[in-house]
Amino acid sequence: MKKIFASILILAMVLSITACNSTTTPPANSNATSTDQSQGTVGSVYPKMTIEMAVNNSGSPDEACLNKFAELIKERSGGSITCVMYAGTLGSETEIMEQIRANTIHMV
């Protein structure tokens, strides 16, 4: 049950991030200036940050899901947001939840 809930939560976060994508492209027949074109660049609105993620078991489907999430975040933020994965190294599920509450890691 917890894995299903975690997978749904990850999917919701990915969808919300992709829905907030603010890139715009001018119409093909417009006479846009170079300043208009540079405003919609990917990654220009994201500050540099690192998201620390953890999973309880190395090699689990949860790890594969978070790796794909990290790949999409890095790609869509233009490299401004990076993710660090800790797989099976931060302790039990309870210990990982305690680390989230303490703001040591950001996602599980």
PDB file of N, CA and C in Angstrom:
ATOM      1  N   MET A   1       0.817  -1.190   0.000  1.00  0.00           N
ATOM      2  CA  MET A   1       0.000   0.000   0.000  1.00  0.00           C
ATOM      3  C   MET A   1       0.865   1.260   0.000  1.00  0.00           C
ATOM      4  N   LYS A   2       1.942   1.210   0.796  1.00  0.00           N
ATOM      5  CA  LYS A   2       2.811   2.384   0.874  1.00  0.00           C
ATOM      6  C   LYS A   2       3.519   2.634  -0.453  1.00  0.00           C
ATOM      7  N   LYS A   3       3.899   1.551  -1.143  1.00  0.00           N
ATOM      8  CA  LYS A   3       4.578   1.721  -2.429  1.00  0.00           C
ATOM      9  C   LYS A   3       3.635   2.311  -3.467  1.00  0.00           C
ATOM     10  N   ILE A   4       2.391   1.892  -3.432  1.00  0.00           N
ATOM     11  CA  ILE A   4       1.410   2.437  -4.370  1.00  0.00           C
ATOM     12  C   ILE A   4       1.195   3.918  -4.085  1.00  0.00           C
ATOM     13  N   PHE A   5       1.048   4.263  -2.813  1.00  0.00           N
ATOM     14  CA  PHE A   5       0.872   5.658  -2.432  1.00  0.00           C
ATOM     15  C   PHE A   5       2.076   6.499  -2.836  1.00  0.00           C
ATOM     16  N   ALA A   6       3.288   5.974  -2.615  1.00  0.00           N
ATOM     17  CA  ALA A   6       4.503   6.705  -2.985  1.00  0.00           C
ATOM     18  C   ALA A   6       4.580   6.898  -4.492  1.00  0.00           C
ATOM     19  N   SER A   7       4.220   5.871  -5.249  1.00  0.00           N
ATOM     20  CA  SER A   7       4.250   5.982  -6.713  1.00  0.00           C
ATOM     21  C   SER A   7       3.251   7.018  -7.204  1.00  0.00           C
ATOM     22  N   ILE A   8       2.064   7.038  -6.607  1.00  0.00           N
ATOM     23  CA  ILE A   8       1.056   8.028  -6.991  1.00  0.00           C
ATOM     24  C   ILE A   8       1.526   9.431  -6.637  1.00  0.00           C
ATOM     25  N   LEU A   9       2.155   9.574  -5.480  1.00  0.00           N
ATOM     26  CA  LEU A   9       2.670  10.875  -5.057  1.00  0.00           C
ATOM     27  C   LEU A   9       3.767  11.368  -6.006  1.00  0.00           C
ATOM     28  N   ILE A  10       4.660  10.488  -6.402  1.00  0.00           N
ATOM     29  CA  ILE A  10       5.729  10.867  -7.334  1.00  0.00           C
ATOM     30  C   ILE A  10       5.134  11.270  -8.678  1.00  0.00           C
ATOM     31  N   LEU A  11       4.167  10.504  -9.152  1.00  0.00           N
ATOM     32  CA  LEU A  11       3.519  10.834 -10.417  1.00  0.00           C
ATOM     33  C   LEU A  11       2.841  12.199 -10.348  1.00  0.00           C
ATOM     34  N   ALA A  12       2.176  12.482  -9.223  1.00  0.00           N
ATOM     35  CA  ALA A  12       1.518  13.783  -9.071  1.00  0.00           C
ATOM     36  C   ALA A  12       2.537  14.915  -9.075  1.00  0.00           C
ATOM     37  N   MET A  13       3.688  14.707  -8.435  1.00  0.00           N
ATOM     38  CA  MET A  13       4.711  15.754  -8.422  1.00  0.00           C
ATOM     39  C   MET A  13       5.287  15.980  -9.815  1.00  0.00           C
ATOM     40  N   VAL A  14       5.525  14.908 -10.554  1.00  0.00           N
ATOM     41  CA  VAL A  14       6.054  15.058 -11.918  1.00  0.00           C
ATOM     42  C   VAL A  14       5.053  15.801 -12.792  1.00  0.00           C
ATOM     43  N   LEU A  15       3.786  15.434 -12.672  1.00  0.00           N
ATOM     44  CA  LEU A  15       2.766  16.105 -13.481  1.00  0.00           C
ATOM     45  C   LEU A  15       2.612  17.569 -13.103  1.00  0.00           C
ATOM     46  N   SER A  16       2.712  17.879 -11.817  1.00  0.00           N
ATOM     47  CA  SER A  16       2.577  19.280 -11.415  1.00  0.00           C
ATOM     48  C   SER A  16       3.761  20.114 -11.884  1.00  0.00           C
ATOM     49  N   ILE A  17       4.936  19.524 -11.894  1.00  0.00           N
ATOM     50  CA  ILE A  17       6.110  20.263 -12.366  1.00  0.00           C
ATOM     51  C   ILE A  17       6.032  20.477 -13.869  1.00  0.00           C
ATOM     52  N   THR A  18       5.591  19.461 -14.608  1.00  0.00           N
ATOM     53  CA  THR A  18       5.494  19.629 -16.055  1.00  0.00           C
ATOM     54  C   THR A  18       4.352  20.570 -16.424  1.00  0.00           C
ATOM     55  N   ALA A  19       3.308  20.645 -15.613  1.00  0.00           N
ATOM     56  CA  ALA A  19       2.199  21.552 -15.895  1.00  0.00           C
ATOM     57  C   ALA A  19       2.608  23.003 -15.669  1.00  0.00           C
ATOM     58  N   CYS A  20       3.598  23.225 -14.841  1.00  0.00           N
ATOM     59  CA  CYS A  20       4.056  24.583 -14.542  1.00  0.00           C
ATOM     60  C   CYS A  20       5.165  25.041 -15.479  1.00  0.00           C
ATOM     61  N   ASN A  21       5.410  24.309 -16.524  1.00  0.00           N
ATOM     62  CA  ASN A  21       6.442  24.669 -17.481  1.00  0.00           C
ATOM     63  C   ASN A  21       6.066  25.988 -18.148  1.00  0.00           C
ATOM     64  N   SER A  22       6.923  26.992 -18.032  1.00  0.00           N
ATOM     65  CA  SER A  22       6.570  28.328 -18.496  1.00  0.00           C
ATOM     66  C   SER A  22       7.251  28.722 -19.804  1.00  0.00           C
ATOM     67  N   THR A  23       7.752  27.766 -20.555  1.00  0.00           N
ATOM     68  CA  THR A  23       8.401  28.122 -21.806  1.00  0.00           C
ATOM     69  C   THR A  23       7.357  28.464 -22.850  1.00  0.00           C
ATOM     70  N   THR A  24       7.667  29.481 -23.629  1.00  0.00           N
ATOM     71  CA  THR A  24       6.772  29.882 -24.699  1.00  0.00           C
ATOM     72  C   THR A  24       7.579  30.001 -25.975  1.00  0.00           C
ATOM     73  N   THR A  25       6.942  29.730 -27.080  1.00  0.00           N
ATOM     74  CA  THR A  25       7.597  29.904 -28.375  1.00  0.00           C
ATOM     75  C   THR A  25       6.751  30.849 -29.200  1.00  0.00           C
ATOM     76  N   PRO A  26       7.381  31.784 -29.883  1.00  0.00           N
ATOM     77  CA  PRO A  26       6.614  32.712 -30.712  1.00  0.00           C
ATOM     78  C   PRO A  26       6.052  31.990 -31.936  1.00  0.00           C
ATOM     79  N   PRO A  27       4.966  32.481 -32.487  1.00  0.00           N
ATOM     80  CA  PRO A  27       4.426  31.887 -33.715  1.00  0.00           C
ATOM     81  C   PRO A  27       5.461  31.931 -34.830  1.00  0.00           C
ATOM     82  N   ALA A  28       5.359  30.985 -35.750  1.00  0.00           N
ATOM     83  CA  ALA A  28       6.359  30.851 -36.807  1.00  0.00           C
ATOM     84  C   ALA A  28       6.390  32.055 -37.738  1.00  0.00           C
ATOM     85  N   ASN A  29       5.275  32.732 -37.942  1.00  0.00           N
ATOM     86  CA  ASN A  29       5.246  33.845 -38.877  1.00  0.00           C
ATOM     87  C   ASN A  29       5.377  35.207 -38.203  1.00  0.00           C
ATOM     88  N   SER A  30       5.712  35.251 -36.918  1.00  0.00           N
ATOM     89  CA  SER A  30       5.814  36.548 -36.239  1.00  0.00           C
ATOM     90  C   SER A  30       7.182  37.172 -36.477  1.00  0.00           C
ATOM     91  N   ASN A  31       7.260  38.470 -36.312  1.00  0.00           N
ATOM     92  CA  ASN A  31       8.515  39.206 -36.435  1.00  0.00           C
ATOM     93  C   ASN A  31       9.033  39.536 -35.038  1.00  0.00           C
ATOM     94  N   ALA A  32       9.301  38.515 -34.253  1.00  0.00           N
ATOM     95  CA  ALA A  32       9.736  38.704 -32.868  1.00  0.00           C
ATOM     96  C   ALA A  32      11.195  39.141 -32.837  1.00  0.00           C
ATOM     97  N   THR A  33      11.482  40.013 -31.891  1.00  0.00           N
ATOM     98  CA  THR A  33      12.862  40.459 -31.723  1.00  0.00           C
ATOM     99  C   THR A  33      13.634  39.437 -30.897  1.00  0.00           C
ATOM    100  N   SER A  34      14.934  39.607 -30.819  1.00  0.00           N
ATOM    101  CA  SER A  34      15.753  38.649 -30.083  1.00  0.00           C
ATOM    102  C   SER A  34      15.459  38.686 -28.591  1.00  0.00           C
ATOM    103  N   THR A  35      15.019  39.812 -28.058  1.00  0.00           N
ATOM    104  CA  THR A  35      14.691  39.871 -26.632  1.00  0.00           C
ATOM    105  C   THR A  35      13.413  39.097 -26.339  1.00  0.00           C
ATOM    106  N   ASP A  36      12.462  39.080 -27.261  1.00  0.00           N
ATOM    107  CA  ASP A  36      11.239  38.308 -27.064  1.00  0.00           C
ATOM    108  C   ASP A  36      11.541  36.812 -27.056  1.00  0.00           C
ATOM    109  N   GLN A  37      12.450  36.371 -27.890  1.00  0.00           N
ATOM    110  CA  GLN A  37      12.776  34.957 -27.979  1.00  0.00           C
ATOM    111  C   GLN A  37      13.558  34.486 -26.765  1.00  0.00           C
ATOM    112  N   SER A  38      14.352  35.340 -26.149  1.00  0.00           N
ATOM    113  CA  SER A  38      15.186  34.900 -25.036  1.00  0.00           C
ATOM    114  C   SER A  38      14.414  34.790 -23.729  1.00  0.00           C
ATOM    115  N   GLN A  39      13.206  35.343 -23.645  1.00  0.00           N
ATOM    116  CA  GLN A  39      12.448  35.296 -22.406  1.00  0.00           C
ATOM    117  C   GLN A  39      11.893  33.910 -22.118  1.00  0.00           C
ATOM    118  N   GLY A  40      11.710  33.066 -23.105  1.00  0.00           N
ATOM    119  CA  GLY A  40      11.114  31.764 -22.896  1.00  0.00           C
ATOM    120  C   GLY A  40      12.116  30.632 -22.822  1.00  0.00           C
ATOM    121  N   THR A  41      13.351  30.884 -22.471  1.00  0.00           N
ATOM    122  CA  THR A  41      14.340  29.829 -22.444  1.00  0.00           C
ATOM    123  C   THR A  41      14.131  28.920 -21.251  1.00  0.00           C
ATOM    124  N   VAL A  42      14.393  27.638 -21.448  1.00  0.00           N
ATOM    125  CA  VAL A  42      14.241  26.652 -20.387  1.00  0.00           C
ATOM    126  C   VAL A  42      15.365  26.829 -19.381  1.00  0.00           C
ATOM    127  N   GLY A  43      15.045  26.795 -18.107  1.00  0.00           N
ATOM    128  CA  GLY A  43      16.050  26.865 -17.060  1.00  0.00           C
ATOM    129  C   GLY A  43      16.359  28.264 -16.586  1.00  0.00           C
ATOM    130  N   SER A  44      15.843  29.280 -17.252  1.00  0.00           N
ATOM    131  CA  SER A  44      16.193  30.638 -16.869  1.00  0.00           C
ATOM    132  C   SER A  44      15.442  31.099 -15.625  1.00  0.00           C
ATOM    133  N   VAL A  45      14.346  30.438 -15.255  1.00  0.00           N
ATOM    134  CA  VAL A  45      13.553  30.875 -14.124  1.00  0.00           C
ATOM    135  C   VAL A  45      13.801  30.042 -12.868  1.00  0.00           C
ATOM    136  N   TYR A  46      14.646  29.053 -12.953  1.00  0.00           N
ATOM    137  CA  TYR A  46      14.891  28.177 -11.817  1.00  0.00           C
ATOM    138  C   TYR A  46      16.203  28.536 -11.131  1.00  0.00           C
ATOM    139  N   PRO A  47      16.171  28.711  -9.813  1.00  0.00           N
ATOM    140  CA  PRO A  47      17.428  28.946  -9.091  1.00  0.00           C
ATOM    141  C   PRO A  47      18.202  27.630  -8.979  1.00  0.00           C
ATOM    142  N   LYS A  48      19.501  27.740  -8.748  1.00  0.00           N
ATOM    143  CA  LYS A  48      20.320  26.545  -8.545  1.00  0.00           C
ATOM    144  C   LYS A  48      19.909  25.891  -7.232  1.00  0.00           C
ATOM    145  N   MET A  49      19.584  24.595  -7.291  1.00  0.00           N
ATOM    146  CA  MET A  49      19.233  23.879  -6.067  1.00  0.00           C
ATOM    147  C   MET A  49      19.482  22.396  -6.252  1.00  0.00           C
ATOM    148  N   THR A  50      19.548  21.700  -5.125  1.00  0.00           N
ATOM    149  CA  THR A  50      19.732  20.262  -5.122  1.00  0.00           C
ATOM    150  C   THR A  50      18.617  19.633  -4.305  1.00  0.00           C
ATOM    151  N   ILE A  51      17.962  18.643  -4.882  1.00  0.00           N
ATOM    152  CA  ILE A  51      16.921  17.898  -4.188  1.00  0.00           C
ATOM    153  C   ILE A  51      17.533  16.574  -3.757  1.00  0.00           C
ATOM    154  N   GLU A  52      17.480  16.283  -2.465  1.00  0.00           N
ATOM    155  CA  GLU A  52      18.019  15.031  -1.939  1.00  0.00           C
ATOM    156  C   GLU A  52      16.877  14.054  -1.744  1.00  0.00           C
ATOM    157  N   MET A  53      17.005  12.875  -2.376  1.00  0.00           N
ATOM    158  CA  MET A  53      15.952  11.870  -2.353  1.00  0.00           C
ATOM    159  C   MET A  53      16.498  10.582  -1.759  1.00  0.00           C
ATOM    160  N   ALA A  54      15.628   9.791  -1.136  1.00  0.00           N
ATOM    161  CA  ALA A  54      16.047   8.533  -0.546  1.00  0.00           C
ATOM    162  C   ALA A  54      15.011   7.454  -0.802  1.00  0.00           C
ATOM    163  N   VAL A  55      15.494   6.240  -0.992  1.00  0.00           N
ATOM    164  CA  VAL A  55      14.636   5.060  -1.028  1.00  0.00           C
ATOM    165  C   VAL A  55      15.206   4.041  -0.057  1.00  0.00           C
ATOM    166  N   ASN A  56      14.347   3.186   0.434  1.00  0.00           N
ATOM    167  CA  ASN A  56      14.741   2.233   1.451  1.00  0.00           C
ATOM    168  C   ASN A  56      15.581   1.092   0.885  1.00  0.00           C
ATOM    169  N   ASN A  57      15.245   0.605  -0.308  1.00  0.00           N
ATOM    170  CA  ASN A  57      15.935  -0.547  -0.893  1.00  0.00           C
ATOM    171  C   ASN A  57      16.589  -0.185  -2.213  1.00  0.00           C
ATOM    172  N   SER A  58      17.840  -0.557  -2.342  1.00  0.00           N
ATOM    173  CA  SER A  58      18.548  -0.351  -3.602  1.00  0.00           C
ATOM    174  C   SER A  58      18.031  -1.347  -4.633  1.00  0.00           C
ATOM    175  N   GLY A  59      17.847  -0.889  -5.868  1.00  0.00           N
ATOM    176  CA  GLY A  59      17.378  -1.754  -6.940  1.00  0.00           C
ATOM    177  C   GLY A  59      15.870  -1.934  -6.977  1.00  0.00           C
ATOM    178  N   SER A  60      15.132  -1.171  -6.205  1.00  0.00           N
ATOM    179  CA  SER A  60      13.675  -1.309  -6.156  1.00  0.00           C
ATOM    180  C   SER A  60      13.020  -0.492  -7.270  1.00  0.00           C
ATOM    181  N   PRO A  61      11.754  -0.763  -7.568  1.00  0.00           N
ATOM    182  CA  PRO A  61      11.040   0.054  -8.548  1.00  0.00           C
ATOM    183  C   PRO A  61      10.948   1.524  -8.119  1.00  0.00           C
ATOM    184  N   ASP A  62      10.908   1.756  -6.805  1.00  0.00           N
ATOM    185  CA  ASP A  62      10.881   3.137  -6.315  1.00  0.00           C
ATOM    186  C   ASP A  62      12.138   3.887  -6.731  1.00  0.00           C
ATOM    187  N   GLU A  63      13.270   3.201  -6.679  1.00  0.00           N
ATOM    188  CA  GLU A  63      14.531   3.827  -7.076  1.00  0.00           C
ATOM    189  C   GLU A  63      14.521   4.171  -8.562  1.00  0.00           C
ATOM    190  N   ALA A  64      14.003   3.256  -9.387  1.00  0.00           N
ATOM    191  CA  ALA A  64      13.918   3.524 -10.824  1.00  0.00           C
ATOM    192  C   ALA A  64      13.012   4.709 -11.109  1.00  0.00           C
ATOM    193  N   CYS A  65      11.920   4.803 -10.368  1.00  0.00           N
ATOM    194  CA  CYS A  65      10.983   5.912 -10.540  1.00  0.00           C
ATOM    195  C   CYS A  65      11.632   7.241 -10.156  1.00  0.00           C
ATOM    196  N   LEU A  66      12.352   7.269  -9.038  1.00  0.00           N
ATOM    197  CA  LEU A  66      13.016   8.502  -8.620  1.00  0.00           C
ATOM    198  C   LEU A  66      14.172   8.871  -9.549  1.00  0.00           C
ATOM    199  N   ASN A  67      14.855   7.875 -10.111  1.00  0.00           N
ATOM    200  CA  ASN A  67      15.908   8.169 -11.076  1.00  0.00           C
ATOM    201  C   ASN A  67      15.332   8.835 -12.324  1.00  0.00           C
ATOM    202  N   LYS A  68      14.185   8.354 -12.796  1.00  0.00           N
ATOM    203  CA  LYS A  68      13.526   8.972 -13.948  1.00  0.00           C
ATOM    204  C   LYS A  68      13.066  10.389 -13.598  1.00  0.00           C
ATOM    205  N   PHE A  69      12.530  10.559 -12.391  1.00  0.00           N
ATOM    206  CA  PHE A  69      12.125  11.880 -11.916  1.00  0.00           C
ATOM    207  C   PHE A  69      13.317  12.833 -11.914  1.00  0.00           C
ATOM    208  N   ALA A  70      14.468  12.370 -11.409  1.00  0.00           N
ATOM    209  CA  ALA A  70      15.674  13.197 -11.358  1.00  0.00           C
ATOM    210  C   ALA A  70      16.129  13.578 -12.769  1.00  0.00           C
ATOM    211  N   GLU A  71      16.046  12.627 -13.688  1.00  0.00           N
ATOM    212  CA  GLU A  71      16.430  12.896 -15.074  1.00  0.00           C
ATOM    213  C   GLU A  71      15.537  13.964 -15.697  1.00  0.00           C
ATOM    214  N   LEU A  72      14.233  13.857 -15.486  1.00  0.00           N
ATOM    215  CA  LEU A  72      13.297  14.834 -16.042  1.00  0.00           C
ATOM    216  C   LEU A  72      13.477  16.214 -15.423  1.00  0.00           C
ATOM    217  N   ILE A  73      13.706  16.261 -14.118  1.00  0.00           N
ATOM    218  CA  ILE A  73      13.911  17.542 -13.442  1.00  0.00           C
ATOM    219  C   ILE A  73      15.153  18.240 -13.979  1.00  0.00           C
ATOM    220  N   LYS A  74      16.237  17.501 -14.120  1.00  0.00           N
ATOM    221  CA  LYS A  74      17.480  18.098 -14.620  1.00  0.00           C
ATOM    222  C   LYS A  74      17.303  18.599 -16.053  1.00  0.00           C
ATOM    223  N   GLU A  75      16.630  17.798 -16.869  1.00  0.00           N
ATOM    224  CA  GLU A  75      16.415  18.169 -18.272  1.00  0.00           C
ATOM    225  C   GLU A  75      15.517  19.396 -18.404  1.00  0.00           C
ATOM    226  N   ARG A  76      14.430  19.416 -17.679  1.00  0.00           N
ATOM    227  CA  ARG A  76      13.447  20.485 -17.836  1.00  0.00           C
ATOM    228  C   ARG A  76      13.805  21.767 -17.113  1.00  0.00           C
ATOM    229  N   SER A  77      14.745  21.687 -16.173  1.00  0.00           N
ATOM    230  CA  SER A  77      15.183  22.907 -15.500  1.00  0.00           C
ATOM    231  C   SER A  77      16.446  23.466 -16.150  1.00  0.00           C
ATOM    232  N   GLY A  78      16.909  22.832 -17.199  1.00  0.00           N
ATOM    233  CA  GLY A  78      18.123  23.285 -17.864  1.00  0.00           C
ATOM    234  C   GLY A  78      19.371  23.051 -17.028  1.00  0.00           C
ATOM    235  N   GLY A  79      19.314  22.077 -16.123  1.00  0.00           N
ATOM    236  CA  GLY A  79      20.460  21.765 -15.278  1.00  0.00           C
ATOM    237  C   GLY A  79      20.527  22.586 -14.002  1.00  0.00           C
ATOM    238  N   SER A  80      19.567  23.484 -13.803  1.00  0.00           N
ATOM    239  CA  SER A  80      19.570  24.312 -12.598  1.00  0.00           C
ATOM    240  C   SER A  80      19.214  23.508 -11.349  1.00  0.00           C
ATOM    241  N   ILE A  81      18.350  22.513 -11.505  1.00  0.00           N
ATOM    242  CA  ILE A  81      17.943  21.678 -10.378  1.00  0.00           C
ATOM    243  C   ILE A  81      18.545  20.299 -10.569  1.00  0.00           C
ATOM    244  N   THR A  82      19.290  19.849  -9.582  1.00  0.00           N
ATOM    245  CA  THR A  82      19.876  18.516  -9.629  1.00  0.00           C
ATOM    246  C   THR A  82      19.325  17.686  -8.482  1.00  0.00           C
ATOM    247  N   CYS A  83      19.345  16.388  -8.647  1.00  0.00           N
ATOM    248  CA  CYS A  83      18.832  15.478  -7.626  1.00  0.00           C
ATOM    249  C   CYS A  83      19.936  14.524  -7.195  1.00  0.00           C
ATOM    250  N   VAL A  84      20.003  14.259  -5.899  1.00  0.00           N
ATOM    251  CA  VAL A  84      20.952  13.302  -5.345  1.00  0.00           C
ATOM    252  C   VAL A  84      20.138  12.156  -4.765  1.00  0.00           C
ATOM    253  N   MET A  85      20.477  10.927  -5.166  1.00  0.00           N
ATOM    254  CA  MET A  85      19.726   9.743  -4.731  1.00  0.00           C
ATOM    255  C   MET A  85      20.525   8.963  -3.697  1.00  0.00           C
ATOM    256  N   TYR A  86      19.873   8.631  -2.586  1.00  0.00           N
ATOM    257  CA  TYR A  86      20.439   7.752  -1.577  1.00  0.00           C
ATOM    258  C   TYR A  86      19.589   6.486  -1.574  1.00  0.00           C
ATOM    259  N   ALA A  87      20.135   5.379  -2.060  1.00  0.00           N
ATOM    260  CA  ALA A  87      19.379   4.130  -2.174  1.00  0.00           C
ATOM    261  C   ALA A  87      19.877   3.119  -1.147  1.00  0.00           C
ATOM    262  N   GLY A  88      19.070   2.872  -0.131  1.00  0.00           N
ATOM    263  CA  GLY A  88      19.380   1.864   0.862  1.00  0.00           C
ATOM    264  C   GLY A  88      20.514   2.216   1.798  1.00  0.00           C
ATOM    265  N   THR A  89      20.875   3.491   1.905  1.00  0.00           N
ATOM    266  CA  THR A  89      22.012   3.870   2.742  1.00  0.00           C
ATOM    267  C   THR A  89      21.636   4.705   3.957  1.00  0.00           C
ATOM    268  N   LEU A  90      20.416   5.218   4.021  1.00  0.00           N
ATOM    269  CA  LEU A  90      20.058   6.135   5.106  1.00  0.00           C
ATOM    270  C   LEU A  90      19.271   5.483   6.234  1.00  0.00           C
ATOM    271  N   GLY A  91      19.110   4.176   6.192  1.00  0.00           N
ATOM    272  CA  GLY A  91      18.449   3.487   7.280  1.00  0.00           C
ATOM    273  C   GLY A  91      17.098   2.922   6.891  1.00  0.00           C
ATOM    274  N   SER A  92      16.323   2.603   7.919  1.00  0.00           N
ATOM    275  CA  SER A  92      15.009   2.002   7.709  1.00  0.00           C
ATOM    276  C   SER A  92      14.016   3.062   7.236  1.00  0.00           C
ATOM    277  N   GLU A  93      12.818   2.592   6.936  1.00  0.00           N
ATOM    278  CA  GLU A  93      11.772   3.505   6.469  1.00  0.00           C
ATOM    279  C   GLU A  93      11.431   4.547   7.538  1.00  0.00           C
ATOM    280  N   THR A  94      11.403   4.127   8.782  1.00  0.00           N
ATOM    281  CA  THR A  94      11.118   5.046   9.890  1.00  0.00           C
ATOM    282  C   THR A  94      12.214   6.097  10.023  1.00  0.00           C
ATOM    283  N   GLU A  95      13.461   5.672   9.894  1.00  0.00           N
ATOM    284  CA  GLU A  95      14.583   6.614  10.003  1.00  0.00           C
ATOM    285  C   GLU A  95      14.575   7.616   8.851  1.00  0.00           C
ATOM    286  N   ILE A  96      14.200   7.160   7.669  1.00  0.00           N
ATOM    287  CA  ILE A  96      14.121   8.074   6.520  1.00  0.00           C
ATOM    288  C   ILE A  96      13.013   9.101   6.742  1.00  0.00           C
ATOM    289  N   MET A  97      11.876   8.680   7.277  1.00  0.00           N
ATOM    290  CA  MET A  97      10.793   9.622   7.566  1.00  0.00           C
ATOM    291  C   MET A  97      11.212  10.651   8.615  1.00  0.00           C
ATOM    292  N   GLU A  98      11.998  10.232   9.586  1.00  0.00           N
ATOM    293  CA  GLU A  98      12.509  11.167  10.584  1.00  0.00           C
ATOM    294  C   GLU A  98      13.437  12.193   9.936  1.00  0.00           C
ATOM    295  N   GLN A  99      14.221  11.755   8.956  1.00  0.00           N
ATOM    296  CA  GLN A  99      15.118  12.672   8.256  1.00  0.00           C
ATOM    297  C   GLN A  99      14.336  13.658   7.396  1.00  0.00           C
ATOM    298  N   ILE A 100      13.209  13.240   6.862  1.00  0.00           N
ATOM    299  CA  ILE A 100      12.359  14.173   6.109  1.00  0.00           C
ATOM    300  C   ILE A 100      11.790  15.219   7.058  1.00  0.00           C
ATOM    301  N   ARG A 101      11.326  14.785   8.217  1.00  0.00           N
ATOM    302  CA  ARG A 101      10.791  15.732   9.193  1.00  0.00           C
ATOM    303  C   ARG A 101      11.849  16.725   9.659  1.00  0.00           C
ATOM    304  N   ALA A 102      13.094  16.264   9.726  1.00  0.00           N
ATOM    305  CA  ALA A 102      14.202  17.137  10.153  1.00  0.00           C
ATOM    306  C   ALA A 102      14.744  17.967   8.992  1.00  0.00           C
ATOM    307  N   ASN A 103      14.179  17.798   7.782  1.00  0.00           N
ATOM    308  CA  ASN A 103      14.600  18.511   6.577  1.00  0.00           C
ATOM    309  C   ASN A 103      16.039  18.177   6.174  1.00  0.00           C
ATOM    310  N   THR A 104      16.470  16.960   6.477  1.00  0.00           N
ATOM    311  CA  THR A 104      17.789  16.501   6.037  1.00  0.00           C
ATOM    312  C   THR A 104      17.728  16.041   4.591  1.00  0.00           C
ATOM    313  N   ILE A 105      16.649  15.354   4.233  1.00  0.00           N
ATOM    314  CA  ILE A 105      16.397  14.982   2.846  1.00  0.00           C
ATOM    315  C   ILE A 105      15.043  15.555   2.451  1.00  0.00           C
ATOM    316  N   HIS A 106      14.757  15.592   1.154  1.00  0.00           N
ATOM    317  CA  HIS A 106      13.568  16.270   0.663  1.00  0.00           C
ATOM    318  C   HIS A 106      12.469  15.345   0.155  1.00  0.00           C
ATOM    319  N   MET A 107      12.842  14.178  -0.375  1.00  0.00           N
ATOM    320  CA  MET A 107      11.848  13.270  -0.969  1.00  0.00           C
ATOM    321  C   MET A 107      12.170  11.843  -0.597  1.00  0.00           C
ATOM    322  N   VAL A 108      11.131  11.030  -0.593  1.00  0.00           N
ATOM    323  CA  VAL A 108      11.293   9.593  -0.378  1.00  0.00           C
ATOM    324  C   VAL A 108      10.388   8.861  -1.340  1.00  0.00           C
TER     325      VAL A 108
END
